[in-house]
Each structure stands twice: as C-alpha cells, then as structure tokens.
Amino acid sequence: MWNWQRKDWRLFKYDKSVISELEQKFLLGSGECFGILKHISYNQETMLKIALISDEALKTSEIKA
C-alpha cells in the first residue's frame, strides 16, 4: 500500500532524530572520500570510479533477483 493510499497519510511527520546518526556517518564518509580523491592520481581515480559503479550495479541486480 502506498503512503497516499492510507487514511492517515497526511499525519506523516518528519523526525530528523531518527536518521541524524546515519546522516552524520554519511557526511563524515563523504568527506573522507573527497579527501582521498585529492591524493590519488587521475588513473587511480578512474579505476576507483569504475569499481564503485560496478559494485553498485551488482548490488542493484541482487535486489531484483
């Protein structure tokens, strides 16, 4: 059932405290990634991007299986 199909769907409230810890971890991880990119060569950066895209493609296909 979709949220908008529920009778109480308009009662939805966003509670930042539920995801704040995960959001903080994400932001710290993002900063580490940007820091790493500043210290590797163009070829290493390209290989890293290929690895990340390939990994994401595999994870996406696992969901559908």
C-alpha atoms as a PDB file:
ATOM      1  CA  MET A   1       0.000   0.000   0.000  1.00  0.00           C
ATOM      2  CA  TRP A   2       1.331   3.425  -0.935  1.00  0.00           C
ATOM      3  CA  ASN A   3       1.517   6.140   1.730  1.00  0.00           C
ATOM      4  CA  TRP A   4      -1.058   8.276  -0.050  1.00  0.00           C
ATOM      5  CA  GLN A   5      -3.479   5.334  -0.061  1.00  0.00           C
ATOM      6  CA  ARG A   6      -3.537   5.176   3.735  1.00  0.00           C
ATOM      7  CA  LYS A   7      -6.322   7.010   5.546  1.00  0.00           C
ATOM      8  CA  ASP A   8      -3.843   8.647   7.927  1.00  0.00           C
ATOM      9  CA  TRP A   9      -1.236   9.552   5.279  1.00  0.00           C
ATOM     10  CA  ARG A  10      -1.485  13.286   5.961  1.00  0.00           C
ATOM     11  CA  LEU A  11      -0.431  12.667   9.567  1.00  0.00           C
ATOM     12  CA  PHE A  12       3.128  11.848   8.487  1.00  0.00           C
ATOM     13  CA  LYS A  13       5.708  13.823  10.449  1.00  0.00           C
ATOM     14  CA  TYR A  14       9.393  14.035   9.604  1.00  0.00           C
ATOM     15  CA  ASP A  15      11.558  13.186  12.613  1.00  0.00           C
ATOM     16  CA  LYS A  16      15.188  14.123  11.975  1.00  0.00           C
ATOM     17  CA  SER A  17      16.337  12.373  15.152  1.00  0.00           C
ATOM     18  CA  VAL A  18      15.548   9.006  13.557  1.00  0.00           C
ATOM     19  CA  ILE A  19      18.214   9.436  10.872  1.00  0.00           C
ATOM     20  CA  SER A  20      20.571  12.014  12.392  1.00  0.00           C
ATOM     21  CA  GLU A  21      23.230   9.468  13.411  1.00  0.00           C
ATOM     22  CA  LEU A  22      23.191   7.852   9.963  1.00  0.00           C
ATOM     23  CA  GLU A  23      23.304  11.264   8.306  1.00  0.00           C
ATOM     24  CA  GLN A  24      26.376  12.201  10.364  1.00  0.00           C
ATOM     25  CA  LYS A  25      28.142   8.960   9.367  1.00  0.00           C
ATOM     26  CA  PHE A  26      27.295   9.623   5.714  1.00  0.00           C
ATOM     27  CA  LEU A  27      28.681  13.160   5.864  1.00  0.00           C
ATOM     28  CA  LEU A  28      31.912  12.019   7.514  1.00  0.00           C
ATOM     29  CA  GLY A  29      32.316   9.237   4.950  1.00  0.00           C
ATOM     30  CA  SER A  30      31.699  11.678   2.107  1.00  0.00           C
ATOM     31  CA  GLY A  31      34.412  13.967   3.464  1.00  0.00           C
ATOM     32  CA  GLU A  32      36.853  11.068   3.627  1.00  0.00           C
ATOM     33  CA  CYS A  33      36.090  10.194   0.006  1.00  0.00           C
ATOM     34  CA  PHE A  34      36.725  13.747  -1.171  1.00  0.00           C
ATOM     35  CA  GLY A  35      39.965  13.804   0.811  1.00  0.00           C
ATOM     36  CA  ILE A  36      41.130  10.565  -0.777  1.00  0.00           C
ATOM     37  CA  LEU A  37      40.379  11.860  -4.277  1.00  0.00           C
ATOM     38  CA  LYS A  38      42.719  14.802  -3.698  1.00  0.00           C
ATOM     39  CA  HIS A  39      45.635  12.444  -3.048  1.00  0.00           C
ATOM     40  CA  ILE A  40      45.372   9.875  -5.844  1.00  0.00           C
ATOM     41  CA  SER A  41      46.307  10.057  -9.500  1.00  0.00           C
ATOM     42  CA  TYR A  42      43.832  10.502 -12.333  1.00  0.00           C
ATOM     43  CA  ASN A  43      44.229   6.824 -13.320  1.00  0.00           C
ATOM     44  CA  GLN A  44      43.622   5.677  -9.745  1.00  0.00           C
ATOM     45  CA  GLU A  45      40.571   7.915  -9.558  1.00  0.00           C
ATOM     46  CA  THR A  46      39.232   6.450 -12.796  1.00  0.00           C
ATOM     47  CA  MET A  47      39.761   2.897 -11.547  1.00  0.00           C
ATOM     48  CA  LEU A  48      38.042   3.762  -8.256  1.00  0.00           C
ATOM     49  CA  LYS A  49      35.028   5.179 -10.105  1.00  0.00           C
ATOM     50  CA  ILE A  50      34.796   2.051 -12.263  1.00  0.00           C
ATOM     51  CA  ALA A  51      34.963  -0.163  -9.174  1.00  0.00           C
ATOM     52  CA  LEU A  52      32.277   1.841  -7.367  1.00  0.00           C
ATOM     53  CA  ILE A  53      29.945   1.872 -10.382  1.00  0.00           C
ATOM     54  CA  SER A  54      30.457  -1.868 -10.924  1.00  0.00           C
ATOM     55  CA  ASP A  55      29.802  -2.613  -7.261  1.00  0.00           C
ATOM     56  CA  GLU A  56      26.620  -0.529  -7.331  1.00  0.00           C
ATOM     57  CA  ALA A  57      25.439  -2.322 -10.474  1.00  0.00           C
ATOM     58  CA  LEU A  58      25.976  -5.698  -8.805  1.00  0.00           C
ATOM     59  CA  LYS A  59      24.128  -4.622  -5.661  1.00  0.00           C
ATOM     60  CA  THR A  60      21.229  -3.305  -7.753  1.00  0.00           C
ATOM     61  CA  SER A  61      20.966  -6.593  -9.648  1.00  0.00           C
ATOM     62  CA  GLU A  62      20.946  -8.525  -6.353  1.00  0.00           C
ATOM     63  CA  ILE A  63      17.846  -6.629  -5.251  1.00  0.00           C
ATOM     64  CA  LYS A  64      15.948  -7.667  -8.374  1.00  0.00           C
ATOM     65  CA  ALA A  65      16.936 -11.331  -8.136  1.00  0.00           C
END
